[in-house]
Amino acid sequence: MDAILPYLPHLNAGLNLTAAVFLVLGFLAVKKGNIETHKKWMLTAFVFSALFLTSYLVHKFMSGDMKFQGEGWVRPVYFFILISHVILAMLILPLAITTILLGLFNKVEKHRKFAKVTFPIWMYVSVTGVLVYLFLYQLYAK
């Protein structure tokens, strides 16, 4: 496991980015009225998000927290992104599961109402997850 540990942050960013891509594809499919394609893309986004969460938890359990090394104006920007990301990440799992189940059980109106809240939060969490990775492991890594 120690050999894999250094690569998990990169994998996690890739999984988050992939989830975001499938979220956009699912959104575009439903806007075009292609419900079956929408369903496939959103379930695929959920799988990538679940893989991310699993890998993230393994990494955190095995290596702990990474300290942000940036200084100056970028610190409050980073911490704003991080704090909003963490708060919304705690909400997204139950929201995503509820939204998906409503869709799978053909509760279309409730699904749409939940999706209007779930989609932007899920997108935000996926994209800001990639941003946090960039801040920690690429832009300000020492």
Protein backbone atom coordinates (compact mmCIF):
# COMPACT_ATOMS: atom_id res chain seq x y z
CA MET A 1 0.00 0.00 0.00
CA ASP A 2 2.89 2.38 0.74
CA ALA A 3 3.93 2.25 -2.92
CA ILE A 4 0.47 3.40 -4.03
CA LEU A 5 -0.05 6.11 -1.40
CA PRO A 6 1.85 8.94 -3.17
CA TYR A 7 -0.26 8.46 -6.29
CA LEU A 8 -3.67 8.59 -4.60
CA PRO A 9 -4.01 12.41 -4.65
CA HIS A 10 -3.47 12.36 -8.42
CA LEU A 11 -5.94 9.51 -8.83
CA ASN A 12 -8.44 11.35 -6.63
CA ALA A 13 -8.21 14.49 -8.75
CA GLY A 14 -8.72 12.41 -11.88
CA LEU A 15 -11.75 10.68 -10.40
CA ASN A 16 -13.26 14.03 -9.35
CA LEU A 17 -12.63 15.52 -12.78
CA THR A 18 -14.12 12.48 -14.49
CA ALA A 19 -17.21 12.69 -12.29
CA ALA A 20 -17.61 16.36 -13.27
CA VAL A 21 -17.37 15.47 -16.97
CA PHE A 22 -20.08 12.82 -16.62
CA LEU A 23 -22.25 15.23 -14.64
CA VAL A 24 -22.07 17.71 -17.51
CA LEU A 25 -22.79 14.96 -20.05
CA GLY A 26 -25.80 13.86 -17.99
CA PHE A 27 -27.06 17.43 -17.72
CA LEU A 28 -26.73 17.96 -21.48
CA ALA A 29 -28.46 14.64 -22.21
CA VAL A 30 -31.49 15.49 -20.07
CA LYS A 31 -31.70 18.97 -21.63
CA LYS A 32 -31.93 17.23 -25.01
CA GLY A 33 -34.66 14.94 -23.64
CA ASN A 34 -32.51 11.82 -23.79
CA ILE A 35 -33.51 10.30 -20.45
CA GLU A 36 -31.79 6.92 -20.89
CA THR A 37 -28.46 8.54 -21.75
CA HIS A 38 -28.95 10.99 -18.86
CA LYS A 39 -29.48 8.07 -16.49
CA LYS A 40 -26.34 6.27 -17.71
CA TRP A 41 -24.15 9.38 -17.42
CA MET A 42 -25.43 10.33 -13.97
CA LEU A 43 -24.98 6.80 -12.63
CA THR A 44 -21.48 6.81 -14.12
CA ALA A 45 -20.78 10.14 -12.37
CA PHE A 46 -21.97 8.59 -9.13
CA VAL A 47 -19.66 5.59 -9.58
CA PHE A 48 -16.66 7.87 -10.16
CA SER A 49 -17.63 9.98 -7.13
CA ALA A 50 -17.93 6.82 -5.01
CA LEU A 51 -14.53 5.62 -6.22
CA PHE A 52 -13.13 9.05 -5.36
CA LEU A 53 -14.62 8.96 -1.85
CA THR A 54 -13.19 5.50 -1.21
CA SER A 55 -9.74 6.44 -2.47
CA TYR A 56 -9.82 9.77 -0.60
CA LEU A 57 -10.71 8.09 2.70
CA VAL A 58 -7.95 5.49 2.24
CA HIS A 59 -5.45 8.26 1.54
CA LYS A 60 -6.56 10.35 4.54
CA PHE A 61 -6.51 7.34 6.83
CA MET A 62 -3.05 6.27 5.68
CA SER A 63 -1.29 9.64 5.35
CA GLY A 64 -3.26 12.28 7.24
CA ASP A 65 -3.70 15.90 6.22
CA MET A 66 -1.60 17.85 3.77
CA LYS A 67 -0.70 21.37 4.90
CA PHE A 68 -1.23 24.20 2.45
CA GLN A 69 2.11 25.85 1.64
CA GLY A 70 0.88 28.97 -0.15
CA GLU A 71 1.41 32.40 1.36
CA GLY A 72 -0.12 35.83 0.96
CA TRP A 73 -3.37 36.53 -0.86
CA VAL A 74 -3.77 32.92 -2.00
CA ARG A 75 -4.24 31.58 1.56
CA PRO A 76 -7.72 33.06 2.13
CA VAL A 77 -8.72 32.06 -1.41
CA TYR A 78 -7.58 28.49 -0.80
CA PHE A 79 -9.27 28.24 2.59
CA PHE A 80 -12.52 29.69 1.23
CA ILE A 81 -12.53 27.04 -1.51
CA LEU A 82 -11.53 24.29 0.94
CA ILE A 83 -14.10 25.16 3.63
CA SER A 84 -16.97 25.56 1.17
CA HIS A 85 -15.88 22.33 -0.55
CA VAL A 86 -15.83 20.35 2.72
CA ILE A 87 -19.20 21.67 3.93
CA LEU A 88 -20.93 20.94 0.63
CA ALA A 89 -19.15 17.57 0.27
CA MET A 90 -20.84 16.45 3.48
CA LEU A 91 -24.22 17.27 1.94
CA ILE A 92 -23.71 15.80 -1.51
CA LEU A 93 -23.76 12.09 -0.69
CA PRO A 94 -27.28 12.02 0.78
CA LEU A 95 -28.49 14.51 -1.84
CA ALA A 96 -27.04 12.49 -4.73
CA ILE A 97 -28.39 9.19 -3.42
CA THR A 98 -31.84 10.68 -2.88
CA THR A 99 -31.87 12.30 -6.32
CA ILE A 100 -30.73 9.11 -8.03
CA LEU A 101 -33.26 6.94 -6.21
CA LEU A 102 -36.09 9.33 -7.06
CA GLY A 103 -35.09 9.10 -10.71
CA LEU A 104 -34.72 5.32 -10.68
CA PHE A 105 -38.14 4.93 -9.05
CA ASN A 106 -39.63 7.26 -11.66
CA LYS A 107 -40.63 9.97 -9.19
CA VAL A 108 -40.00 12.51 -11.93
CA GLU A 109 -41.27 15.70 -10.29
CA LYS A 110 -39.48 15.06 -6.98
CA HIS A 111 -36.38 13.99 -8.90
CA ARG A 112 -36.37 17.29 -10.83
CA LYS A 113 -36.79 19.33 -7.64
CA PHE A 114 -33.91 17.53 -5.93
CA ALA A 115 -31.75 17.62 -9.07
CA LYS A 116 -32.02 21.42 -9.25
CA VAL A 117 -30.29 21.54 -5.86
CA THR A 118 -28.09 18.45 -6.18
CA PHE A 119 -26.54 19.13 -9.58
CA PRO A 120 -24.91 22.52 -8.85
CA ILE A 121 -23.65 21.34 -5.45
CA TRP A 122 -22.26 18.12 -6.92
CA MET A 123 -20.56 20.07 -9.73
CA TYR A 124 -19.12 22.55 -7.23
CA VAL A 125 -17.79 19.78 -4.99
CA SER A 126 -16.23 17.91 -7.94
CA VAL A 127 -14.60 20.99 -9.45
CA THR A 128 -13.39 22.46 -6.17
CA GLY A 129 -11.98 19.05 -5.26
CA VAL A 130 -9.76 19.34 -8.33
CA LEU A 131 -8.86 22.92 -7.37
CA VAL A 132 -7.87 21.85 -3.84
CA TYR A 133 -5.66 19.17 -5.39
CA LEU A 134 -4.04 21.74 -7.70
CA PHE A 135 -3.38 24.10 -4.79
CA LEU A 136 -1.93 21.37 -2.55
CA TYR A 137 -0.04 19.14 -4.96
CA GLN A 138 0.79 21.23 -8.01
CA LEU A 139 0.79 25.00 -7.55
CA TYR A 140 2.04 25.29 -3.96
CA ALA A 141 3.74 21.95 -3.26
CA LYS A 142 7.16 22.14 -1.64
